[in-house]
PDB file of N, CA and C in Angstrom:
ATOM      1  N   MET A   1     168.182 110.361  57.990  1.00  0.00           N
ATOM      2  CA  MET A   1     167.173 109.373  57.643  1.00  0.00           C
ATOM      3  C   MET A   1     167.854 108.425  56.179  1.00  0.00           C
ATOM      4  N   PHE A   2     169.017 107.229  56.731  1.00  0.00           N
ATOM      5  CA  PHE A   2     170.001 107.093  55.253  1.00  0.00           C
ATOM      6  C   PHE A   2     169.011 105.824  55.328  1.00  0.00           C
ATOM      7  N   LYS A   3     169.240 105.686  53.930  1.00  0.00           N
ATOM      8  CA  LYS A   3     168.534 104.452  53.162  1.00  0.00           C
ATOM      9  C   LYS A   3     168.546 103.061  53.593  1.00  0.00           C
ATOM     10  N   ASN A   4     167.435 102.142  53.938  1.00  0.00           N
ATOM     11  CA  ASN A   4     166.908 101.264  54.722  1.00  0.00           C
ATOM     12  C   ASN A   4     167.348 101.113  56.207  1.00  0.00           C
ATOM     13  N   GLN A   5     167.475 102.082  56.607  1.00  0.00           N
ATOM     14  CA  GLN A   5     167.474 102.449  58.420  1.00  0.00           C
ATOM     15  C   GLN A   5     166.769 102.295  59.043  1.00  0.00           C
ATOM     16  N   ASP A   6     166.856 101.249  59.872  1.00  0.00           N
ATOM     17  CA  ASP A   6     165.522 100.584  60.644  1.00  0.00           C
ATOM     18  C   ASP A   6     165.045 101.632  61.667  1.00  0.00           C
ATOM     19  N   THR A   7     163.966 102.130  61.890  1.00  0.00           N
ATOM     20  CA  THR A   7     163.402 103.629  62.861  1.00  0.00           C
ATOM     21  C   THR A   7     162.840 102.523  63.835  1.00  0.00           C
ATOM     22  N   SER A   8     162.187 101.331  64.209  1.00  0.00           N
ATOM     23  CA  SER A   8     161.190 100.872  64.565  1.00  0.00           C
ATOM     24  C   SER A   8     161.127 100.609  66.346  1.00  0.00           C
ATOM     25  N   VAL A   9     160.410 101.627  66.881  1.00  0.00           N
ATOM     26  CA  VAL A   9     159.308 102.078  67.702  1.00  0.00           C
ATOM     27  C   VAL A   9     159.430 100.959  68.171  1.00  0.00           C
ATOM     28  N   SER A  10     158.920  99.392  67.723  1.00  0.00           N
ATOM     29  CA  SER A  10     159.070  99.113  68.938  1.00  0.00           C
ATOM     30  C   SER A  10     159.725  97.983  69.481  1.00  0.00           C
ATOM     31  N   LYS A  11     161.386  97.892  68.276  1.00  0.00           N
ATOM     32  CA  LYS A  11     162.293  97.457  68.415  1.00  0.00           C
ATOM     33  C   LYS A  11     162.420  97.939  70.374  1.00  0.00           C
ATOM     34  N   ALA A  12     162.987  99.630  69.969  1.00  0.00           N
ATOM     35  CA  ALA A  12     162.613  99.724  71.229  1.00  0.00           C
ATOM     36  C   ALA A  12     162.660  99.942  72.341  1.00  0.00           C
ATOM     37  N   LYS A  13     161.324 100.034  72.416  1.00  0.00           N
ATOM     38  CA  LYS A  13     160.478  99.751  72.977  1.00  0.00           C
ATOM     39  C   LYS A  13     160.707  98.154  73.636  1.00  0.00           C
ATOM     40  N   LYS A  14     161.375  97.638  73.208  1.00  0.00           N
ATOM     41  CA  LYS A  14     160.995  96.257  73.287  1.00  0.00           C
ATOM     42  C   LYS A  14     163.025  96.172  73.985  1.00  0.00           C
ATOM     43  N   ALA A  15     163.856  96.692  73.868  1.00  0.00           N
ATOM     44  CA  ALA A  15     164.752  97.297  74.711  1.00  0.00           C
ATOM     45  C   ALA A  15     164.348  97.315  76.267  1.00  0.00           C
ATOM     46  N   ILE A  16     163.560  98.994  76.452  1.00  0.00           N
ATOM     47  CA  ILE A  16     163.231  99.047  77.978  1.00  0.00           C
ATOM     48  C   ILE A  16     162.716  98.159  78.623  1.00  0.00           C
ATOM     49  N   SER A  17     161.648  97.114  77.987  1.00  0.00           N
ATOM     50  CA  SER A  17     160.669  96.252  78.495  1.00  0.00           C
ATOM     51  C   SER A  17     162.186  95.186  78.669  1.00  0.00           C
ATOM     52  N   ASP A  18     163.236  94.939  78.027  1.00  0.00           N
ATOM     53  CA  ASP A  18     164.256  93.917  77.751  1.00  0.00           C
ATOM     54  C   ASP A  18     164.858  93.877  79.579  1.00  0.00           C
ATOM     55  N   TYR A  19     165.048  95.631  79.763  1.00  0.00           N
ATOM     56  CA  TYR A  19     166.393  95.651  80.679  1.00  0.00           C
ATOM     57  C   TYR A  19     165.298  96.179  81.770  1.00  0.00           C
ATOM     58  N   LYS A  20     163.944  96.120  81.715  1.00  0.00           N
ATOM     59  CA  LYS A  20     163.313  96.480  83.011  1.00  0.00           C
ATOM     60  C   LYS A  20     162.914  94.818  83.340  1.00  0.00           C
ATOM     61  N   ASN A  21     162.725  93.973  82.485  1.00  0.00           N
ATOM     62  CA  ASN A  21     162.987  92.717  83.532  1.00  0.00           C
ATOM     63  C   ASN A  21     163.990  91.748  83.565  1.00  0.00           C
ATOM     64  N   ALA A  22     164.938  92.573  82.737  1.00  0.00           N
ATOM     65  CA  ALA A  22     167.008  91.462  83.071  1.00  0.00           C
ATOM     66  C   ALA A  22     166.795  92.559  84.206  1.00  0.00           C
ATOM     67  N   ILE A  23     167.069  93.969  84.538  1.00  0.00           N
ATOM     68  CA  ILE A  23     167.943  94.423  86.064  1.00  0.00           C
ATOM     69  C   ILE A  23     166.760  95.199  86.276  1.00  0.00           C
ATOM     70  N   GLY A  24     165.861  96.037  85.454  1.00  0.00           N
ATOM     71  CA  GLY A  24     165.345  96.820  86.308  1.00  0.00           C
ATOM     72  C   GLY A  24     165.557  97.571  87.338  1.00  0.00           C
ATOM     73  N   LEU A  25     166.757  98.435  87.044  1.00  0.00           N
ATOM     74  CA  LEU A  25     167.285  99.170  88.646  1.00  0.00           C
ATOM     75  C   LEU A  25     166.428 100.388  87.660  1.00  0.00           C
ATOM     76  N   PRO A  26     165.617 100.953  88.775  1.00  0.00           N
ATOM     77  CA  PRO A  26     164.549 102.397  88.228  1.00  0.00           C
ATOM     78  C   PRO A  26     164.872 104.024  87.318  1.00  0.00           C
ATOM     79  N   LEU A  27     166.879 104.421  88.071  1.00  0.00           N
ATOM     80  CA  LEU A  27     167.070 104.927  87.629  1.00  0.00           C
ATOM     81  C   LEU A  27     167.678 104.293  85.673  1.00  0.00           C
ATOM     82  N   GLY A  28     167.993 103.056  86.129  1.00  0.00           N
ATOM     83  CA  GLY A  28     168.502 102.625  84.939  1.00  0.00           C
ATOM     84  C   GLY A  28     167.656 103.049  83.532  1.00  0.00           C
ATOM     85  N   LEU A  29     166.619 102.451  84.169  1.00  0.00           N
ATOM     86  CA  LEU A  29     165.038 102.512  83.319  1.00  0.00           C
ATOM     87  C   LEU A  29     165.109 103.844  82.663  1.00  0.00           C
ATOM     88  N   ALA A  30     164.985 104.977  84.078  1.00  0.00           N
ATOM     89  CA  ALA A  30     164.056 106.018  83.995  1.00  0.00           C
ATOM     90  C   ALA A  30     165.174 106.779  82.920  1.00  0.00           C
ATOM     91  N   GLU A  31     166.448 106.396  82.777  1.00  0.00           N
ATOM     92  CA  GLU A  31     167.967 106.884  82.035  1.00  0.00           C
ATOM     93  C   GLU A  31     167.055 106.799  80.909  1.00  0.00           C
ATOM     94  N   LEU A  32     166.760 105.650  80.323  1.00  0.00           N
ATOM     95  CA  LEU A  32     166.573 104.915  79.055  1.00  0.00           C
ATOM     96  C   LEU A  32     165.054 105.321  77.994  1.00  0.00           C
ATOM     97  N   MET A  33     164.517 105.521  79.057  1.00  0.00           N
ATOM     98  CA  MET A  33     163.195 105.984  78.875  1.00  0.00           C
ATOM     99  C   MET A  33     163.391 107.056  78.362  1.00  0.00           C
ATOM    100  N   VAL A  34     164.112 108.119  79.189  1.00  0.00           N
ATOM    101  CA  VAL A  34     163.768 109.492  78.733  1.00  0.00           C
ATOM    102  C   VAL A  34     164.616 109.618  77.641  1.00  0.00           C
ATOM    103  N   PHE A  35     166.180 108.863  77.807  1.00  0.00           N
ATOM    104  CA  PHE A  35     166.578 109.083  75.752  1.00  0.00           C
ATOM    105  C   PHE A  35     165.903 108.070  74.952  1.00  0.00           C
ATOM    106  N   TYR A  36     164.769 107.359  74.858  1.00  0.00           N
ATOM    107  CA  TYR A  36     163.844 107.778  73.960  1.00  0.00           C
ATOM    108  C   TYR A  36     163.559 108.309  73.514  1.00  0.00           C
ATOM    109  N   CYS A  37     162.376 109.102  74.705  1.00  0.00           N
ATOM    110  CA  CYS A  37     161.674 110.292  74.672  1.00  0.00           C
ATOM    111  C   CYS A  37     162.705 111.043  73.339  1.00  0.00           C
ATOM    112  N   GLU A  38     164.005 111.418  73.622  1.00  0.00           N
ATOM    113  CA  GLU A  38     165.290 112.043  73.541  1.00  0.00           C
ATOM    114  C   GLU A  38     165.511 111.876  72.091  1.00  0.00           C
ATOM    115  N   ARG A  39     165.608 110.529  71.394  1.00  0.00           N
ATOM    116  CA  ARG A  39     165.957 110.232  70.698  1.00  0.00           C
ATOM    117  C   ARG A  39     164.514 110.692  69.647  1.00  0.00           C
ATOM    118  N   ALA A  40     163.038 109.842  69.900  1.00  0.00           N
ATOM    119  CA  ALA A  40     162.008 110.291  68.789  1.00  0.00           C
ATOM    120  C   ALA A  40     161.349 111.129  68.839  1.00  0.00           C
ATOM    121  N   SER A  41     161.695 111.868  69.952  1.00  0.00           N
ATOM    122  CA  SER A  41     161.564 113.853  69.541  1.00  0.00           C
ATOM    123  C   SER A  41     162.554 114.081  68.352  1.00  0.00           C
ATOM    124  N   GLY A  42     163.739 113.882  68.161  1.00  0.00           N
ATOM    125  CA  GLY A  42     164.996 114.257  67.604  1.00  0.00           C
ATOM    126  C   GLY A  42     164.557 113.757  66.134  1.00  0.00           C
ATOM    127  N   PHE A  43     164.714 113.219  66.241  1.00  0.00           N
ATOM    128  CA  PHE A  43     164.153 112.435  64.645  1.00  0.00           C
ATOM    129  C   PHE A  43     163.191 112.903  63.997  1.00  0.00           C
ATOM    130  N   SER A  44     161.760 113.045  64.593  1.00  0.00           N
ATOM    131  CA  SER A  44     160.177 113.231  64.346  1.00  0.00           C
ATOM    132  C   SER A  44     160.894 114.993  63.795  1.00  0.00           C
ATOM    133  N   ASP A  45     162.242 115.947  64.870  1.00  0.00           N
ATOM    134  CA  ASP A  45     162.481 117.171  63.961  1.00  0.00           C
ATOM    135  C   ASP A  45     162.906 117.141  62.727  1.00  0.00           C
ATOM    136  N   ASP A  46     164.272 116.025  63.556  1.00  0.00           N
ATOM    137  CA  ASP A  46     164.405 115.550  61.699  1.00  0.00           C
ATOM    138  C   ASP A  46     164.760 116.680  60.564  1.00  0.00           C
ATOM    139  N   VAL A  47     163.314 115.217  60.613  1.00  0.00           N
ATOM    140  CA  VAL A  47     163.390 114.597  59.597  1.00  0.00           C
ATOM    141  C   VAL A  47     161.639 115.226  58.413  1.00  0.00           C
ATOM    142  N   GLY A  48     161.214 115.682  60.016  1.00  0.00           N
ATOM    143  CA  GLY A  48     159.204 116.126  59.437  1.00  0.00           C
ATOM    144  C   GLY A  48     158.907 114.694  59.685  1.00  0.00           C
ATOM    145  N   LEU A  49     158.996 114.074  60.613  1.00  0.00           N
ATOM    146  CA  LEU A  49     157.806 112.914  60.834  1.00  0.00           C
ATOM    147  C   LEU A  49     156.678 113.531  61.115  1.00  0.00           C
ATOM    148  N   GLN A  50     155.319 113.155  60.264  1.00  0.00           N
ATOM    149  CA  GLN A  50     154.232 113.509  60.878  1.00  0.00           C
ATOM    150  C   GLN A  50     153.590 112.122  61.028  1.00  0.00           C
ATOM    151  N   ASP A  51     153.174 112.020  62.512  1.00  0.00           N
ATOM    152  CA  ASP A  51     152.776 110.174  62.066  1.00  0.00           C
ATOM    153  C   ASP A  51     152.095 109.808  63.263  1.00  0.00           C
ATOM    154  N   GLU A  52     150.668 110.369  63.607  1.00  0.00           N
ATOM    155  CA  GLU A  52     150.528 110.101  65.046  1.00  0.00           C
ATOM    156  C   GLU A  52     150.313 108.820  65.990  1.00  0.00           C
ATOM    157  N   GLY A  53     149.819 107.863  65.786  1.00  0.00           N
ATOM    158  CA  GLY A  53     150.390 106.698  66.057  1.00  0.00           C
ATOM    159  C   GLY A  53     152.320 106.891  66.429  1.00  0.00           C
ATOM    160  N   TYR A  54     152.888 107.512  65.924  1.00  0.00           N
ATOM    161  CA  TYR A  54     154.350 107.687  66.656  1.00  0.00           C
ATOM    162  C   TYR A  54     153.962 108.569  67.427  1.00  0.00           C
ATOM    163  N   PHE A  55     153.253 110.176  67.346  1.00  0.00           N
ATOM    164  CA  PHE A  55     153.449 111.072  68.036  1.00  0.00           C
ATOM    165  C   PHE A  55     152.792 110.547  69.686  1.00  0.00           C
ATOM    166  N   ASP A  56     152.112 109.447  69.645  1.00  0.00           N
ATOM    167  CA  ASP A  56     150.881 108.865  70.688  1.00  0.00           C
ATOM    168  C   ASP A  56     152.151 108.078  71.375  1.00  0.00           C
ATOM    169  N   ALA A  57     152.822 107.347  70.882  1.00  0.00           N
ATOM    170  CA  ALA A  57     153.912 106.081  71.312  1.00  0.00           C
ATOM    171  C   ALA A  57     154.771 107.135  72.486  1.00  0.00           C
ATOM    172  N   LEU A  58     155.485 108.552  71.615  1.00  0.00           N
ATOM    173  CA  LEU A  58     156.177 109.181  72.107  1.00  0.00           C
ATOM    174  C   LEU A  58     155.615 109.155  73.685  1.00  0.00           C
ATOM    175  N   VAL A  59     154.118 109.813  73.435  1.00  0.00           N
ATOM    176  CA  VAL A  59     153.383 110.532  74.447  1.00  0.00           C
ATOM    177  C   VAL A  59     153.442 109.853  75.534  1.00  0.00           C
ATOM    178  N   ARG A  60     152.826 108.573  75.449  1.00  0.00           N
ATOM    179  CA  ARG A  60     152.826 107.261  76.447  1.00  0.00           C
ATOM    180  C   ARG A  60     154.770 107.128  77.401  1.00  0.00           C
ATOM    181  N   MET A  61     155.859 106.661  76.800  1.00  0.00           N
ATOM    182  CA  MET A  61     157.092 107.003  77.253  1.00  0.00           C
ATOM    183  C   MET A  61     156.672 108.013  77.972  1.00  0.00           C
ATOM    184  N   PHE A  62     156.716 109.288  77.043  1.00  0.00           N
ATOM    185  CA  PHE A  62     156.908 110.530  78.550  1.00  0.00           C
ATOM    186  C   PHE A  62     155.804 110.068  79.477  1.00  0.00           C
ATOM    187  N   GLU A  63     154.695 110.011  80.049  1.00  0.00           N
ATOM    188  CA  GLU A  63     154.440 109.600  81.080  1.00  0.00           C
ATOM    189  C   GLU A  63     155.157 108.435  81.692  1.00  0.00           C
ATOM    190  N   GLN A  64     155.409 107.389  80.594  1.00  0.00           N
ATOM    191  CA  GLN A  64     155.813 106.424  81.720  1.00  0.00           C
ATOM    192  C   GLN A  64     157.530 106.894  82.230  1.00  0.00           C
ATOM    193  N   ALA A  65     158.112 107.972  81.848  1.00  0.00           N
ATOM    194  CA  ALA A  65     159.379 108.131  82.208  1.00  0.00           C
ATOM    195  C   ALA A  65     159.052 108.748  83.347  1.00  0.00           C
ATOM    196  N   LEU A  66     158.349 109.641  83.115  1.00  0.00           N
ATOM    197  CA  LEU A  66     157.323 110.772  84.355  1.00  0.00           C
ATOM    198  C   LEU A  66     157.281 109.861  85.498  1.00  0.00           C
ATOM    199  N   LYS A  67     156.512 108.597  84.995  1.00  0.00           N
ATOM    200  CA  LYS A  67     156.507 107.812  86.862  1.00  0.00           C
ATOM    201  C   LYS A  67     157.419 107.482  87.373  1.00  0.00           C
ATOM    202  N   THR A  68     158.069 106.969  86.304  1.00  0.00           N
ATOM    203  CA  THR A  68     159.693 106.030  87.169  1.00  0.00           C
ATOM    204  C   THR A  68     160.164 106.998  87.675  1.00  0.00           C
ATOM    205  N   ILE A  69     160.786 108.075  86.801  1.00  0.00           N
ATOM    206  CA  ILE A  69     161.197 109.478  87.580  1.00  0.00           C
ATOM    207  C   ILE A  69     160.741 109.631  88.824  1.00  0.00           C
ATOM    208  N   SER A  70     159.333 110.008  89.152  1.00  0.00           N
ATOM    209  CA  SER A  70     159.702 109.768  90.306  1.00  0.00           C
ATOM    210  C   SER A  70     159.457 109.010  91.570  1.00  0.00           C
ATOM    211  N   THR A  71     159.450 108.193  91.404  1.00  0.00           N
ATOM    212  CA  THR A  71     160.127 106.700  92.095  1.00  0.00           C
ATOM    213  C   THR A  71     161.985 106.931  92.946  1.00  0.00           C
ATOM    214  N   LEU A  72     162.696 107.708  92.221  1.00  0.00           N
ATOM    215  CA  LEU A  72     163.606 107.822  91.834  1.00  0.00           C
ATOM    216  C   LEU A  72     163.862 108.746  93.125  1.00  0.00           C
ATOM    217  N   PRO A  73     165.141 108.578  93.833  1.00  0.00           N
ATOM    218  CA  PRO A  73     165.329 109.966  95.346  1.00  0.00           C
ATOM    219  C   PRO A  73     165.631 111.316  94.613  1.00  0.00           C
ATOM    220  N   GLU A  74     164.317 111.902  95.355  1.00  0.00           N
ATOM    221  CA  GLU A  74     164.619 113.939  94.769  1.00  0.00           C
ATOM    222  C   GLU A  74     165.938 114.241  93.969  1.00  0.00           C
ATOM    223  N   GLY A  75     167.245 114.100  94.992  1.00  0.00           N
ATOM    224  CA  GLY A  75     168.787 114.931  93.536  1.00  0.00           C
ATOM    225  C   GLY A  75     168.633 113.626  92.835  1.00  0.00           C
ATOM    226  N   ARG A  76     168.270 113.051  91.987  1.00  0.00           N
ATOM    227  CA  ARG A  76     168.235 112.317  90.778  1.00  0.00           C
ATOM    228  C   ARG A  76     167.390 112.017  89.913  1.00  0.00           C
ATOM    229  N   ARG A  77     166.542 113.794  90.616  1.00  0.00           N
ATOM    230  CA  ARG A  77     165.141 113.608  89.293  1.00  0.00           C
ATOM    231  C   ARG A  77     165.131 114.760  88.427  1.00  0.00           C
ATOM    232  N   PRO A  78     165.547 116.403  89.531  1.00  0.00           N
ATOM    233  CA  PRO A  78     165.984 116.875  88.264  1.00  0.00           C
ATOM    234  C   PRO A  78     166.196 117.222  87.046  1.00  0.00           C
ATOM    235  N   GLU A  79     167.797 116.752  86.685  1.00  0.00           N
ATOM    236  CA  GLU A  79     168.526 116.709  85.517  1.00  0.00           C
ATOM    237  C   GLU A  79     167.769 116.140  84.383  1.00  0.00           C
ATOM    238  N   LEU A  80     166.500 115.011  84.888  1.00  0.00           N
ATOM    239  CA  LEU A  80     165.887 114.497  84.316  1.00  0.00           C
ATOM    240  C   LEU A  80     164.768 114.838  83.427  1.00  0.00           C
ATOM    241  N   PHE A  81     164.139 115.376  84.735  1.00  0.00           N
ATOM    242  CA  PHE A  81     163.152 115.758  84.071  1.00  0.00           C
ATOM    243  C   PHE A  81     163.189 117.518  83.565  1.00  0.00           C
ATOM    244  N   ALA A  82     163.882 117.795  83.746  1.00  0.00           N
ATOM    245  CA  ALA A  82     165.074 118.880  82.265  1.00  0.00           C
ATOM    246  C   ALA A  82     164.975 118.049  81.578  1.00  0.00           C
ATOM    247  N   ARG A  83     165.667 117.143  81.359  1.00  0.00           N
ATOM    248  CA  ARG A  83     165.227 117.012  79.146  1.00  0.00           C
ATOM    249  C   ARG A  83     164.530 116.570  79.611  1.00  0.00           C
ATOM    250  N   LEU A  84     162.990 115.662  80.294  1.00  0.00           N
ATOM    251  CA  LEU A  84     161.891 115.630  79.636  1.00  0.00           C
ATOM    252  C   LEU A  84     161.321 117.013  78.785  1.00  0.00           C
ATOM    253  N   ASP A  85     161.554 118.451  79.814  1.00  0.00           N
ATOM    254  CA  ASP A  85     160.903 119.478  79.374  1.00  0.00           C
ATOM    255  C   ASP A  85     161.889 119.909  77.907  1.00  0.00           C
ATOM    256  N   ALA A  86     162.468 119.843  77.679  1.00  0.00           N
ATOM    257  CA  ALA A  86     163.804 119.869  76.533  1.00  0.00           C
ATOM    258  C   ALA A  86     162.374 119.639  75.313  1.00  0.00           C
ATOM    259  N   VAL A  87     162.325 117.892  75.560  1.00  0.00           N
ATOM    260  CA  VAL A  87     161.513 117.036  74.834  1.00  0.00           C
ATOM    261  C   VAL A  87     160.036 117.970  74.359  1.00  0.00           C
ATOM    262  N   ARG A  88     159.280 118.207  75.347  1.00  0.00           N
ATOM    263  CA  ARG A  88     158.566 118.772  75.552  1.00  0.00           C
ATOM    264  C   ARG A  88     158.784 120.098  75.043  1.00  0.00           C
ATOM    265  N   ARG A  89     159.697 120.451  74.399  1.00  0.00           N
ATOM    266  CA  ARG A  89     159.855 122.590  73.408  1.00  0.00           C
ATOM    267  C   ARG A  89     159.913 121.487  72.732  1.00  0.00           C
ATOM    268  N   ILE A  90     160.953 120.759  72.087  1.00  0.00           N
ATOM    269  CA  ILE A  90     160.855 120.302  70.845  1.00  0.00           C
ATOM    270  C   ILE A  90     159.756 120.298  69.907  1.00  0.00           C
ATOM    271  N   SER A  91     158.762 119.034  70.849  1.00  0.00           N
ATOM    272  CA  SER A  91     157.604 118.548  70.202  1.00  0.00           C
ATOM    273  C   SER A  91     156.450 119.309  70.634  1.00  0.00           C
ATOM    274  N   HIS A  92     156.129 120.833  70.123  1.00  0.00           N
ATOM    275  CA  HIS A  92     155.681 122.046  69.807  1.00  0.00           C
ATOM    276  C   HIS A  92     156.004 121.804  68.261  1.00  0.00           C
ATOM    277  N   ASN A  93     156.712 121.860  67.904  1.00  0.00           N
ATOM    278  CA  ASN A  93     156.477 121.588  66.794  1.00  0.00           C
ATOM    279  C   ASN A  93     156.426 120.845  65.321  1.00  0.00           C
ATOM    280  N   PHE A  94     155.684 119.280  66.612  1.00  0.00           N
ATOM    281  CA  PHE A  94     154.863 118.620  65.803  1.00  0.00           C
ATOM    282  C   PHE A  94     153.812 118.550  65.731  1.00  0.00           C
ATOM    283  N   GLY A  95     153.114 119.627  66.068  1.00  0.00           N
ATOM    284  CA  GLY A  95     151.812 119.304  66.160  1.00  0.00           C
ATOM    285  C   GLY A  95     150.661 118.436  66.263  1.00  0.00           C
ATOM    286  N   TYR A  96     149.611 118.073  66.460  1.00  0.00           N
ATOM    287  CA  TYR A  96     148.094 116.805  66.982  1.00  0.00           C
ATOM    288  C   TYR A  96     148.872 117.327  68.556  1.00  0.00           C
ATOM    289  N   GLY A  97     149.302 118.280  69.223  1.00  0.00           N
ATOM    290  CA  GLY A  97     149.637 118.717  70.313  1.00  0.00           C
ATOM    291  C   GLY A  97     149.818 117.766  71.570  1.00  0.00           C
ATOM    292  N   VAL A  98     150.806 117.796  70.518  1.00  0.00           N
ATOM    293  CA  VAL A  98     152.211 116.430  71.226  1.00  0.00           C
ATOM    294  C   VAL A  98     152.781 117.215  72.362  1.00  0.00           C
ATOM    295  N   GLY A  99     153.683 118.623  71.849  1.00  0.00           N
ATOM    296  CA  GLY A  99     153.450 119.172  72.897  1.00  0.00           C
ATOM    297  C   GLY A  99     152.895 119.526  74.441  1.00  0.00           C
ATOM    298  N   ASP A 100     151.704 119.796  73.882  1.00  0.00           N
ATOM    299  CA  ASP A 100     150.667 120.377  74.926  1.00  0.00           C
ATOM    300  C   ASP A 100     150.537 119.275  75.466  1.00  0.00           C
ATOM    301  N   ASP A 101     150.256 118.745  75.139  1.00  0.00           N
ATOM    302  CA  ASP A 101     150.382 116.802  76.508  1.00  0.00           C
ATOM    303  C   ASP A 101     151.526 116.468  76.941  1.00  0.00           C
ATOM    304  N   MET A 102     151.883 116.977  76.469  1.00  0.00           N
ATOM    305  CA  MET A 102     153.768 116.007  77.712  1.00  0.00           C
ATOM    306  C   MET A 102     153.582 117.493  78.334  1.00  0.00           C
ATOM    307  N   GLY A 103     153.582 118.935  78.157  1.00  0.00           N
ATOM    308  CA  GLY A 103     152.929 120.330  79.486  1.00  0.00           C
ATOM    309  C   GLY A 103     152.119 119.705  80.121  1.00  0.00           C
ATOM    310  N   ASP A 104     151.138 118.769  79.607  1.00  0.00           N
ATOM    311  CA  ASP A 104     149.929 118.881  81.077  1.00  0.00           C
ATOM    312  C   ASP A 104     150.822 117.612  82.298  1.00  0.00           C
ATOM    313  N   LEU A 105     150.999 116.709  80.817  1.00  0.00           N
ATOM    314  CA  LEU A 105     151.988 115.499  81.832  1.00  0.00           C
ATOM    315  C   LEU A 105     153.100 116.105  83.024  1.00  0.00           C
ATOM    316  N   LEU A 106     153.842 117.313  82.595  1.00  0.00           N
ATOM    317  CA  LEU A 106     154.569 117.611  83.489  1.00  0.00           C
ATOM    318  C   LEU A 106     153.682 118.344  84.373  1.00  0.00           C
ATOM    319  N   ALA A 107     152.646 118.973  83.888  1.00  0.00           N
ATOM    320  CA  ALA A 107     151.491 119.774  85.022  1.00  0.00           C
ATOM    321  C   ALA A 107     151.572 118.813  85.967  1.00  0.00           C
ATOM    322  N   GLU A 108     150.677 117.838  85.883  1.00  0.00           N
ATOM    323  CA  GLU A 108     149.928 116.895  87.022  1.00  0.00           C
ATOM    324  C   GLU A 108     151.545 116.393  87.503  1.00  0.00           C
ATOM    325  N   TYR A 109     152.294 116.758  87.277  1.00  0.00           N
ATOM    326  CA  TYR A 109     153.726 115.940  87.932  1.00  0.00           C
ATOM    327  C   TYR A 109     154.433 116.718  89.009  1.00  0.00           C
ATOM    328  N   GLY A 110     153.806 118.105  88.999  1.00  0.00           N
ATOM    329  CA  GLY A 110     154.025 119.333  89.415  1.00  0.00           C
ATOM    330  C   GLY A 110     155.577 119.432  89.446  1.00  0.00           C
ATOM    331  N   ILE A 111     155.604 119.530  87.714  1.00  0.00           N
ATOM    332  CA  ILE A 111     157.049 120.042  87.539  1.00  0.00           C
ATOM    333  C   ILE A 111     157.029 121.241  86.759  1.00  0.00           C
ATOM    334  N   THR A 112     157.405 122.770  87.363  1.00  0.00           N
ATOM    335  CA  THR A 112     157.338 123.824  86.256  1.00  0.00           C
ATOM    336  C   THR A 112     158.439 123.784  86.006  1.00  0.00           C
ATOM    337  N   ARG A 113     157.481 124.002  83.917  1.00  0.00           N
ATOM    338  CA  ARG A 113     158.388 124.224  82.785  1.00  0.00           C
ATOM    339  C   ARG A 113     158.627 125.314  81.986  1.00  0.00           C
ATOM    340  N   ALA A 114     159.872 125.332  81.722  1.00  0.00           N
ATOM    341  CA  ALA A 114     160.338 127.012  80.866  1.00  0.00           C
ATOM    342  C   ALA A 114     159.610 126.792  80.036  1.00  0.00           C
ATOM    343  N   GLN A 115     158.649 127.996  79.025  1.00  0.00           N
ATOM    344  CA  GLN A 115     158.659 128.162  78.227  1.00  0.00           C
ATOM    345  C   GLN A 115     158.341 128.995  76.819  1.00  0.00           C
TER     346      GLN A 115
END
């Protein structure tokens, strides 16, 4: 992280909300949500962030991404689900049960995951 770098979760979530309200295409929305999860988990892993509120927001977005992906045509789902599974694997490093919560959510949506 660089000095004076802004890492606002609320700004990232607002961008997703703005897209949903302006355009709202499910594929684009799913892509933004998965990208958010990738960046948020990667950032946490890179800097060793330990913030339960941040992780709660990540898990909520992970679940929203799963819900949105589930509305897409079958052919569009596997790549996005695989990217979320990669987020789950990284998130096991955080503690707080983040990776386990994500694994439970994947199971709820019938997604088989690599261990």
